[in-house]
Structure formats: C-alpha cells, structure tokens
Protein backbone atom coordinates (compact mmCIF):
# COMPACT_ATOMS: atom_id res chain seq x y z
CA MET A 1 -6.30 31.03 6.68
CA VAL A 2 -8.41 31.93 9.83
CA ILE A 3 -11.65 30.74 10.71
CA LYS A 4 -13.47 32.24 13.82
CA LYS A 5 -16.65 31.49 15.64
CA GLY A 6 -17.06 33.16 18.69
CA ALA A 7 -13.75 32.74 20.98
CA ILE A 8 -12.64 29.61 19.48
CA HIS A 9 -10.48 30.18 15.92
CA TRP A 10 -9.06 27.76 13.77
CA THR A 11 -5.73 29.04 11.88
CA ASN A 12 -4.17 27.05 9.10
CA ILE A 13 -0.81 27.96 7.56
CA VAL A 14 0.61 26.18 4.43
CA HIS A 15 4.75 26.78 4.15
CA PRO A 16 5.05 29.17 7.43
CA SER A 17 7.20 31.66 6.27
CA SER A 18 9.71 33.32 8.91
CA GLU A 19 7.12 36.33 9.09
CA GLU A 20 4.40 33.98 9.95
CA ILE A 21 6.11 32.24 12.88
CA LYS A 22 7.28 35.56 14.07
CA GLU A 23 3.29 36.61 14.23
CA LEU A 24 2.53 33.47 16.30
CA GLU A 25 5.09 33.95 18.60
CA ARG A 26 3.78 37.54 19.26
CA MET A 27 0.14 36.20 19.43
CA TYR A 28 0.12 33.19 21.34
CA ARG A 29 4.03 33.35 23.18
CA PHE A 30 4.76 29.98 21.96
CA HIS A 31 7.68 28.20 23.16
CA PRO A 32 10.91 28.62 21.03
CA ILE A 33 11.19 25.32 20.69
CA ILE A 34 8.09 24.62 19.15
CA LEU A 35 8.45 27.88 16.62
CA GLU A 36 11.73 26.36 15.74
CA GLU A 37 10.26 22.65 14.55
CA LEU A 38 8.03 24.60 12.32
CA THR A 39 10.16 25.81 10.13
CA GLN A 40 10.63 22.28 8.66
CA PRO A 41 9.25 18.77 8.43
CA SER A 42 9.49 16.48 11.39
CA ALA A 43 10.91 12.99 11.61
CA ARG A 44 8.59 11.32 13.88
CA SER A 45 5.17 12.00 15.32
CA LYS A 46 4.69 13.27 18.62
CA VAL A 47 2.49 14.75 21.54
CA GLU A 48 4.20 17.53 23.92
CA ILE A 49 2.90 20.18 26.58
CA TYR A 50 4.45 23.11 26.99
CA GLY A 51 2.82 25.57 29.75
CA ASN A 52 -0.71 25.97 28.43
CA ASN A 53 0.11 24.95 24.96
CA MET A 54 -0.03 21.18 23.45
CA PHE A 55 2.24 20.53 20.29
CA ILE A 56 0.98 17.77 17.95
CA VAL A 57 3.48 16.44 15.04
CA TYR A 58 1.12 14.17 13.16
CA HIS A 59 1.50 12.28 10.05
CA LEU A 60 -0.96 10.62 7.32
CA PRO A 61 -0.32 8.62 4.47
CA ILE A 62 -0.71 10.49 0.64
CA PHE A 63 -0.90 8.33 -2.24
CA ASP A 64 1.57 9.26 -4.81
CA SER A 65 0.19 8.44 -8.37
CA TYR A 66 3.52 9.02 -10.19
CA ASP A 67 5.38 6.53 -7.59
CA LYS A 68 2.38 4.33 -6.89
CA ALA A 69 3.41 4.30 -3.26
CA SER A 70 2.00 6.10 0.12
CA ARG A 71 4.00 8.91 1.23
CA LYS A 72 4.13 10.92 4.67
CA GLY A 73 2.10 14.02 4.65
CA GLU A 74 2.64 16.37 7.84
CA ILE A 75 0.50 18.59 10.14
CA ASP A 76 1.46 20.28 13.05
CA PHE A 77 -1.08 20.99 15.57
CA LEU A 78 -0.40 24.28 17.96
CA VAL A 79 -3.52 23.88 20.92
CA THR A 80 -4.26 26.94 22.76
CA SER A 81 -7.38 27.59 25.43
CA GLN A 82 -8.24 30.17 22.04
CA GLY A 83 -8.37 27.79 19.06
CA VAL A 84 -6.16 25.72 17.23
CA VAL A 85 -3.26 26.53 14.79
CA SER A 86 -2.10 23.93 12.05
CA THR A 87 1.17 24.12 9.68
CA THR A 88 1.23 22.00 6.71
CA TYR A 89 4.12 21.97 4.21
CA GLU A 90 1.70 21.28 1.31
CA ASP A 91 -2.03 21.75 0.60
CA LEU A 92 -3.49 18.71 1.85
CA GLU A 93 -7.05 17.50 1.05
CA PRO A 94 -8.55 16.86 4.72
CA LEU A 95 -7.89 20.48 5.77
CA LYS A 96 -9.26 21.76 2.59
CA VAL A 97 -12.52 19.88 2.95
CA ILE A 98 -13.10 21.07 6.45
CA ALA A 99 -12.51 24.42 5.42
CA SER A 100 -14.97 24.01 2.34
CA LYS A 101 -17.32 22.53 4.52
CA MET A 102 -17.33 25.44 7.50
CA ASP A 103 -18.34 27.86 4.79
CA ASP A 104 -20.85 25.65 3.13
CA ASP A 105 -22.44 24.03 6.16
CA ALA A 106 -23.39 26.52 9.21
CA ASN A 107 -23.94 23.65 11.32
CA TYR A 108 -20.75 21.98 10.74
CA LYS A 109 -19.00 25.08 11.42
CA GLU A 110 -21.09 25.48 14.55
CA ARG A 111 -20.10 21.96 15.79
CA ALA A 112 -16.49 22.24 15.09
CA LEU A 113 -15.85 26.12 16.47
CA GLY A 114 -19.09 26.40 18.91
CA GLY A 115 -17.42 24.37 21.50
CA ASP A 116 -13.68 24.64 22.80
CA SER A 117 -10.45 23.94 21.17
CA VAL A 118 -10.42 20.37 22.26
CA ARG A 119 -13.45 19.82 19.84
CA LEU A 120 -11.99 21.52 17.13
CA LEU A 121 -8.74 19.68 17.65
CA TYR A 122 -11.07 16.29 17.30
CA THR A 123 -13.19 17.41 14.31
CA ILE A 124 -9.76 18.14 12.51
CA MET A 125 -7.97 14.69 13.63
CA GLU A 126 -11.29 13.04 12.83
CA ALA A 127 -11.42 14.74 9.31
CA CYS A 128 -7.57 13.34 8.85
CA LEU A 129 -8.75 9.65 9.98
CA ALA A 130 -11.68 9.77 7.31
CA TYR A 131 -8.86 10.82 4.71
CA SER A 132 -6.80 8.09 5.55
CA LEU A 133 -9.56 5.61 5.40
CA ARG A 134 -10.42 6.65 1.73
CA GLN A 135 -6.88 6.57 0.82
CA LEU A 136 -6.91 2.55 1.40
CA ARG A 137 -9.88 2.45 -1.22
CA HIS A 138 -7.69 2.13 -4.41
CA ILE A 139 -5.60 -0.82 -2.40
CA GLU A 140 -8.92 -2.46 -1.99
CA GLU A 141 -9.52 -2.00 -5.73
CA LYS A 142 -6.32 -3.32 -6.41
CA ILE A 143 -6.82 -6.46 -4.21
CA GLU A 144 -9.89 -7.22 -5.66
CA TYR A 145 -8.78 -6.98 -9.06
CA ILE A 146 -5.87 -9.35 -8.16
CA ARG A 147 -8.23 -11.96 -6.58
CA THR A 148 -10.53 -12.00 -9.64
CA ALA A 149 -7.62 -12.49 -11.84
CA LEU A 150 -5.73 -14.88 -9.63
CA PHE A 151 -7.10 -18.36 -11.22
CA ASP A 152 -6.89 -16.79 -15.18
CA ASP A 153 -3.79 -17.86 -16.13
CA ARG A 154 -1.85 -14.41 -15.50
CA GLU A 155 0.18 -15.56 -13.30
CA GLN A 156 3.21 -13.59 -14.43
CA GLN A 157 1.29 -10.30 -14.66
CA LEU A 158 0.07 -10.52 -11.75
CA VAL A 159 3.69 -10.66 -9.89
CA LYS A 160 4.17 -7.06 -10.87
CA LYS A 161 1.04 -5.92 -9.80
CA ILE A 162 1.36 -7.39 -6.56
CA SER A 163 4.53 -5.93 -5.99
CA TYR A 164 3.34 -2.63 -6.44
CA VAL A 165 0.49 -3.20 -3.92
CA LYS A 166 2.95 -4.61 -1.41
CA ARG A 167 5.12 -1.55 -1.58
CA ASP A 168 2.12 0.54 -1.82
CA LEU A 169 0.38 -1.09 1.41
CA LEU A 170 3.70 -1.28 3.26
CA SER A 171 4.36 2.34 3.03
CA TYR A 172 1.03 3.17 4.07
CA TYR A 173 1.21 0.69 7.01
CA LEU A 174 4.65 2.14 8.28
CA ILE A 175 2.99 5.72 7.89
CA THR A 176 -0.20 4.77 9.95
CA LYS A 177 1.72 2.22 12.33
CA SER A 178 3.88 5.09 13.74
CA GLN A 179 0.53 6.96 14.70
CA ALA A 180 -0.44 4.98 17.32
CA SER A 181 1.62 6.74 20.02
CA ILE A 182 -0.16 9.94 18.85
CA PHE A 183 -3.38 8.28 20.03
CA ASN A 184 -2.41 6.53 22.67
CA SER A 185 -0.86 9.49 24.40
CA LEU A 186 -3.54 11.87 23.48
CA ASN A 187 -6.21 9.55 25.45
CA LYS A 188 -3.74 9.14 28.57
CA ILE A 189 -2.80 12.65 28.73
CA GLY A 190 -5.75 14.75 26.76
CA PRO A 191 -8.03 14.50 29.77
CA GLY A 192 -5.42 16.02 32.13
CA PHE A 193 -4.79 18.75 29.97
CA PHE A 194 -8.18 19.75 28.66
CA GLY A 195 -10.40 18.47 31.42
CA LYS A 196 -12.16 14.91 32.04
CA GLU A 197 -15.04 15.69 29.81
CA SER A 198 -12.59 15.52 26.67
CA ALA A 199 -11.68 12.15 27.31
CA ILE A 200 -14.70 10.90 25.29
CA TYR A 201 -13.27 12.49 22.24
CA PHE A 202 -9.80 11.31 22.16
CA SER A 203 -11.09 7.64 23.23
CA ASP A 204 -13.39 7.83 19.92
CA LEU A 205 -10.24 9.69 18.10
CA GLU A 206 -8.22 6.18 19.31
CA GLY A 207 -10.84 3.43 18.16
CA ASP A 208 -11.19 4.99 14.56
CA PHE A 209 -7.54 5.03 14.27
CA LEU A 210 -7.11 1.49 15.46
CA LYS A 211 -10.32 0.78 12.61
CA VAL A 212 -7.56 2.25 9.83
CA LEU A 213 -4.94 0.24 11.32
CA GLN A 214 -7.15 -2.83 11.49
CA LEU A 215 -8.10 -2.81 8.05
CA CYS A 216 -4.64 -2.01 6.81
CA GLU A 217 -3.53 -5.19 8.62
CA SER A 218 -6.09 -6.94 7.11
CA TYR A 219 -5.50 -5.99 3.55
CA LYS A 220 -1.68 -6.43 4.59
CA GLU A 221 -2.39 -10.25 5.47
CA THR A 222 -4.89 -10.43 2.19
CA ILE A 223 -1.84 -9.64 -0.28
CA GLU A 224 0.47 -11.44 1.22
CA ALA A 225 -2.08 -14.80 0.93
CA PHE A 226 -2.50 -13.95 -2.82
CA GLU A 227 1.26 -13.86 -3.19
CA SER A 228 1.78 -16.90 -1.92
CA THR A 229 -1.18 -18.47 -3.98
CA ASN A 230 -0.02 -16.68 -7.17
CA THR A 231 3.48 -18.19 -6.71
CA GLN A 232 2.73 -21.82 -6.02
CA LEU A 233 0.40 -21.25 -9.54
CA LEU A 234 3.60 -20.02 -11.32
CA ASN A 235 5.37 -22.60 -9.70
CA ILE A 236 3.07 -25.42 -11.15
CA ARG A 237 3.20 -23.64 -14.40
CA MET A 238 6.68 -23.94 -15.16
CA THR A 239 6.66 -27.25 -13.28
CA LYS A 240 4.25 -28.52 -16.14
CA ILE A 241 6.51 -26.64 -18.79
CA MET A 242 9.53 -28.18 -17.76
CA GLN A 243 7.81 -31.63 -17.72
CA ARG A 244 6.98 -31.20 -21.26
CA PHE A 245 10.47 -30.18 -22.18
CA SER A 246 11.69 -33.42 -20.60
CA VAL A 247 9.52 -35.63 -22.24
CA LEU A 248 10.31 -34.13 -25.54
CA ALA A 249 13.72 -34.33 -25.01
CA PHE A 250 13.32 -38.17 -23.75
CA MET A 251 11.31 -39.00 -27.29
CA THR A 252 13.76 -37.50 -29.64
CA PHE A 253 16.70 -39.28 -27.69
CA PRO A 254 16.02 -42.94 -28.31
CA LEU A 255 15.56 -41.80 -32.20
CA MET A 256 19.09 -39.69 -32.74
CA ILE A 257 20.59 -42.76 -31.03
CA PHE A 258 18.77 -45.11 -33.29
CA LEU A 259 19.78 -42.71 -36.60
CA ALA A 260 23.24 -42.59 -35.53
CA LEU A 261 23.92 -45.96 -35.18
CA LEU A 262 22.85 -46.53 -39.13
CA THR A 263 25.14 -43.85 -39.94
CA ILE A 264 28.06 -46.52 -38.98
CA ASP A 265 29.89 -47.28 -42.14
CA SER A 266 29.86 -51.04 -41.59
CA ILE A 267 29.40 -54.01 -43.81
CA SER A 268 26.30 -55.33 -41.93
CA ARG A 269 24.73 -51.70 -41.81
CA PRO A 270 20.78 -52.22 -43.20
CA LEU A 271 18.92 -50.32 -45.23
CA ILE A 272 21.23 -47.90 -46.11
CA GLY A 273 22.00 -48.13 -49.74
CA LYS A 274 20.01 -51.75 -50.13
CA THR A 275 17.10 -50.39 -51.30
CA PRO A 276 15.89 -46.85 -53.45
CA TYR A 277 13.17 -46.38 -50.61
CA ASP A 278 15.51 -46.37 -47.57
CA PHE A 279 14.82 -42.76 -46.60
CA TRP A 280 11.16 -42.90 -46.59
CA ILE A 281 11.63 -46.47 -44.28
CA LEU A 282 13.82 -44.45 -42.25
CA THR A 283 11.00 -41.60 -42.06
CA GLY A 284 8.30 -43.45 -41.19
CA ILE A 285 10.17 -45.58 -38.61
CA VAL A 286 11.10 -42.10 -36.92
CA VAL A 287 7.60 -40.91 -37.38
CA GLY A 288 5.94 -44.07 -35.93
CA ALA A 289 7.99 -43.99 -33.12
CA GLY A 290 7.43 -40.93 -32.37
CA ALA A 291 3.79 -40.86 -32.84
CA VAL A 292 3.98 -44.13 -30.39
CA MET A 293 5.69 -42.75 -27.60
CA MET A 294 3.64 -39.36 -27.75
CA ALA A 295 0.37 -41.21 -27.70
CA LEU A 296 1.78 -43.38 -24.81
CA PHE A 297 2.98 -39.90 -22.78
CA SER A 298 -0.60 -38.27 -23.68
CA ARG A 299 -2.34 -41.01 -22.11
CA LYS A 300 -0.19 -41.10 -18.79
CA GLY A 301 -0.77 -37.16 -18.59
CA TRP A 302 2.56 -36.09 -19.04
CA LEU A 303 2.03 -33.82 -22.36
C-alpha cells in the first residue's frame, strides 16, 4: 500500500517478501543490515541511524482474546526524506485506521502528508499510542467489575478473574515499558536528525507515551491492591469455616465420651437396662446438652 501527497509518501508492507525487500533496496538504497532485519520480527525495540535514513523497531501491545493476554505486535519504520516505509508481520488495526482516514478525510491526509516525513512519522506513532490506550479499556472494565464484586461474597470466583487480569496487565506493561527507550531516543536524537523544529513532535510523543505507561502502572497497583483485599477476605471466610468446624467438634467430643462411658459393662452402670425408657432418656440428655452448648456458642458468636 502506497499513499502519496506531493513529495511525501507512506508505504506500508505486510509480511514483506524478498521481492518487496529488493524493491526497497532499489528505490531507497537502504543499508543491507536494515533490509536483513525486515525479513523476520525483531526481539527488541530500537532506534538506529544509517546515513540519511532512520530505522525504528516499535512494539505495541495487542490483546489476544484466545489467550486472554496481551501479545507483542511489531512495526518497523524506515524514515527517509521522501516519507516513511512501515513493515509489519500482520494486519495491525492502527495502520488500517490511518489508511482509512486518509481515504475518507482530505484534511487528515493533508495534515499527515502535507509537511515532511517527521510529521508523517508523528501521525503514525500517535495513532499507535492512541490504539495502545484503547487496548487498556478492556482491562479497565475488568478491574471495575472486580471492584464492584469484591464485597459480594464471591472471593473464590474472583481469584481466577484477578489472576487473568494480572497476567494480561503484566504482559501489556512489559511490552509498553520496553518502548520507553524508543521515545527517549527519538526525543534526544530526533531534532538532530530531522531539524530543531521537529523537537515538538517527539516531545509530544514522549508525553503521550508516559500517559499510557502511567495509566498502566496505576491499573497494576489497583489490581494488586484488589488481590490483597480479596485474599484477606478469603482468609477471613476460611477462618470462620474452620472455627465452626472446631466448635462442632468440641460439641460432639464430650457427648461421645459420655455415651462411651455408658457402654462399659459394669455392675453399677446407670440407666442401661434399668428402665424400659433408657434409650429415650439418653437421647434426651444428648440432645439437651447439645442444644445448651449450641445456644452458648451462638451467644458468644462462635457459630
């Protein structure tokens, strides 16, 4: 896909083939090291300058509904004086949104392509940051659900939900945090490469990135606090259950000893065999003693 406006153009390639890489070499004379890196995803983010070109490897978090966690999506930027070449290894939503807006909105296309390559790079990366911010919404919704359900006696169900949110948020955070070096580098070396007037673009990008990172860190602290609270509530519930079982065990223990003593075959054994109502008398004693102990324990709040 190639979108042009005057001397500036944006080329986006999905799954770059060997023929497309050769075409980029023919058109822009990119350094062989850059072209080699386009053949497969890169493990780390970076900003490098090769002659008159800038090479950027940028990763953004993408929520995977199957794994219920964020994964890494990659965009490689090759910035020249004529425009920007972006390569990806899958169709990424922010790039499709930019292309669609350029087709539908002439003013947006003018803003993106009507200046120089740094403005185009700013437009694309700004859209990627906006997409990253939107990716946090599903985490925000899950955290809000956990907040409202925290005191509804659903501690056991929330353990699993909190674990999923923590895993997703941790994946998102690790991907986002690693991009700090990208925006820091662009803010430092960008004005020297593109000119002093470009400093405002990179300063704004770094500020927007910090907003995303700070919001992510805020959610991270929130879900950790909710997990701690839920664990405490679950421990309190388990303590109460164990207390009830302990009280019930204590209630039955003396009654069992009493009945066991009556089973001893001795001459002075009371009740047993002395009256035709011995069974009902013993039953009444056991039930009455159990009722008295239950009333006493309930009054003390142990049951």
